Amino acid sequence: MLKNQQYYDALDGLRTICIIFTVIDHTAGNPGINGTVGVDVFFALSGYLITTLLLRERDKTGQVCLPCFYIRRFFRIVPLSLGDHVIFPGCAAVLQTHRQHERACGFQLCAAVAFDAQ
């Protein structure tokens, strides 16, 4: 049986370090910090937290409703994804010069739609 803890405060620091490693790796060109480690740890934490949610649901109801789980995940992820796919490219289009926009827009849009921006 799992504890009825809703939020793990201790993981915030670890998530922050993962994000910092990844951002530094992307912006500074790897000054001795491996950003992929941050991504790997972040995914491991996500797997742990998702498994905890599923186990908590099983303990509470006696079963796991995967369609319900995926619907909840969908409504948690899609609003953030819209920012990544609509708002940010729109801001980039406004801030870039016309020539830069013509060159970059097609690639950025395809990468955003395919979730392959790297």
Protein backbone atom coordinates (compact mmCIF):
# COMPACT_ATOMS: atom_id res chain seq x y z
CA MET A 1 0.00 0.00 0.00
CA LEU A 2 1.31 3.46 -0.88
CA LYS A 3 1.35 6.46 1.36
CA ASN A 4 -1.29 9.05 0.58
CA GLN A 5 1.29 11.65 -0.38
CA GLN A 6 0.07 13.87 -3.22
CA TYR A 7 3.27 15.76 -4.03
CA TYR A 8 6.95 14.91 -3.59
CA ASP A 9 8.69 18.12 -2.55
CA ALA A 10 12.11 16.47 -2.51
CA LEU A 11 11.98 15.79 -6.25
CA ASP A 12 11.72 19.47 -7.16
CA GLY A 13 15.42 20.03 -6.55
CA LEU A 14 16.38 17.02 -8.63
CA ARG A 15 14.09 18.12 -11.46
CA THR A 16 15.59 21.60 -11.31
CA ILE A 17 19.13 20.21 -11.62
CA CYS A 18 18.04 18.08 -14.60
CA ILE A 19 16.52 21.10 -16.33
CA ILE A 20 19.60 23.25 -15.64
CA PHE A 21 21.93 20.56 -17.07
CA THR A 22 19.82 20.28 -20.21
CA VAL A 23 19.49 24.04 -20.73
CA ILE A 24 23.23 24.59 -20.23
CA ASP A 25 24.01 21.80 -22.68
CA HIS A 26 21.71 23.33 -25.31
CA THR A 27 22.84 26.93 -24.85
CA ALA A 28 26.52 26.75 -23.94
CA GLY A 29 27.51 23.86 -26.17
CA ASN A 30 28.44 21.33 -23.47
CA PRO A 31 30.92 23.11 -21.15
CA GLY A 32 31.60 19.85 -19.30
CA ILE A 33 27.94 19.30 -18.38
CA ASN A 34 26.17 16.44 -20.08
CA GLY A 35 22.57 17.47 -20.73
CA THR A 36 21.53 13.96 -21.71
CA VAL A 37 22.02 12.87 -18.10
CA GLY A 38 19.44 15.46 -17.08
CA VAL A 39 16.99 14.14 -19.67
CA ASP A 40 17.58 10.51 -18.60
CA VAL A 41 17.05 11.28 -14.91
CA PHE A 42 13.98 13.39 -15.71
CA PHE A 43 12.43 10.48 -17.68
CA ALA A 44 13.23 8.05 -14.85
CA LEU A 45 11.51 10.40 -12.39
CA SER A 46 8.51 10.65 -14.70
CA GLY A 47 8.27 6.88 -14.91
CA TYR A 48 8.45 6.60 -11.14
CA LEU A 49 5.74 9.22 -10.62
CA ILE A 50 3.43 7.71 -13.26
CA THR A 51 3.87 4.25 -11.76
CA THR A 52 3.07 5.71 -8.34
CA LEU A 53 -0.13 7.23 -9.71
CA LEU A 54 -1.20 3.92 -11.22
CA LEU A 55 -0.41 1.98 -8.03
CA ARG A 56 -2.27 4.54 -5.94
CA GLU A 57 -5.32 4.18 -8.20
CA ARG A 58 -5.13 0.39 -7.90
CA ASP A 59 -4.89 0.61 -4.10
CA LYS A 60 -7.84 2.99 -3.96
CA THR A 61 -10.21 1.34 -6.44
CA GLY A 62 -8.87 -2.20 -6.78
CA GLN A 63 -8.13 -1.74 -10.48
CA VAL A 64 -6.39 0.54 -12.96
CA CYS A 65 -8.46 2.20 -15.68
CA LEU A 66 -5.92 2.81 -18.45
CA PRO A 67 -8.33 4.74 -20.72
CA CYS A 68 -9.09 7.07 -17.78
CA PHE A 69 -5.36 7.43 -17.08
CA TYR A 70 -4.58 8.33 -20.69
CA ILE A 71 -7.46 10.82 -20.83
CA ARG A 72 -6.10 12.55 -17.70
CA ARG A 73 -2.59 12.60 -19.20
CA PHE A 74 -3.95 13.99 -22.48
CA PHE A 75 -5.63 16.92 -20.75
CA ARG A 76 -2.52 17.56 -18.69
CA ILE A 77 -0.10 17.54 -21.64
CA VAL A 78 -2.10 19.07 -24.52
CA PRO A 79 -2.45 22.60 -23.07
CA LEU A 80 1.34 22.81 -22.64
CA SER A 81 1.88 21.29 -26.05
CA LEU A 82 -0.30 23.97 -27.63
CA GLY A 83 2.08 26.58 -26.25
CA ASP A 84 4.97 24.74 -27.84
CA HIS A 85 3.24 24.27 -31.19
CA VAL A 86 1.16 27.42 -31.60
CA ILE A 87 2.20 30.27 -29.32
CA PHE A 88 6.00 29.95 -29.54
CA PRO A 89 6.17 29.56 -33.34
CA GLY A 90 3.78 32.52 -33.60
CA CYS A 91 6.05 34.65 -31.43
CA ALA A 92 9.09 33.52 -33.44
CA ALA A 93 7.33 34.48 -36.67
CA VAL A 94 6.63 37.97 -35.32
CA LEU A 95 10.13 38.50 -33.91
CA GLN A 96 12.14 37.17 -36.85
CA THR A 97 12.82 39.18 -39.96
CA HIS A 98 10.90 38.14 -43.07
CA ARG A 99 13.90 36.40 -44.68
CA GLN A 100 14.83 34.50 -41.51
CA HIS A 101 11.21 33.49 -41.12
CA GLU A 102 10.98 32.08 -44.65
CA ARG A 103 14.06 29.90 -44.11
CA ALA A 104 13.27 28.70 -40.62
CA CYS A 105 9.48 28.49 -40.56
CA GLY A 106 9.08 25.29 -42.56
CA PHE A 107 11.67 23.40 -40.54
CA GLN A 108 10.39 24.70 -37.19
CA LEU A 109 6.79 23.83 -37.99
CA CYS A 110 7.64 20.30 -39.17
CA ALA A 111 9.88 19.73 -36.15
CA ALA A 112 7.23 20.98 -33.75
CA VAL A 113 4.51 18.82 -35.27
CA ALA A 114 6.77 15.77 -35.23
CA PHE A 115 8.02 16.49 -31.67
CA ASP A 116 11.54 16.46 -33.13
CA ALA A 117 12.83 19.96 -32.52
CA GLN A 118 16.39 18.85 -31.82
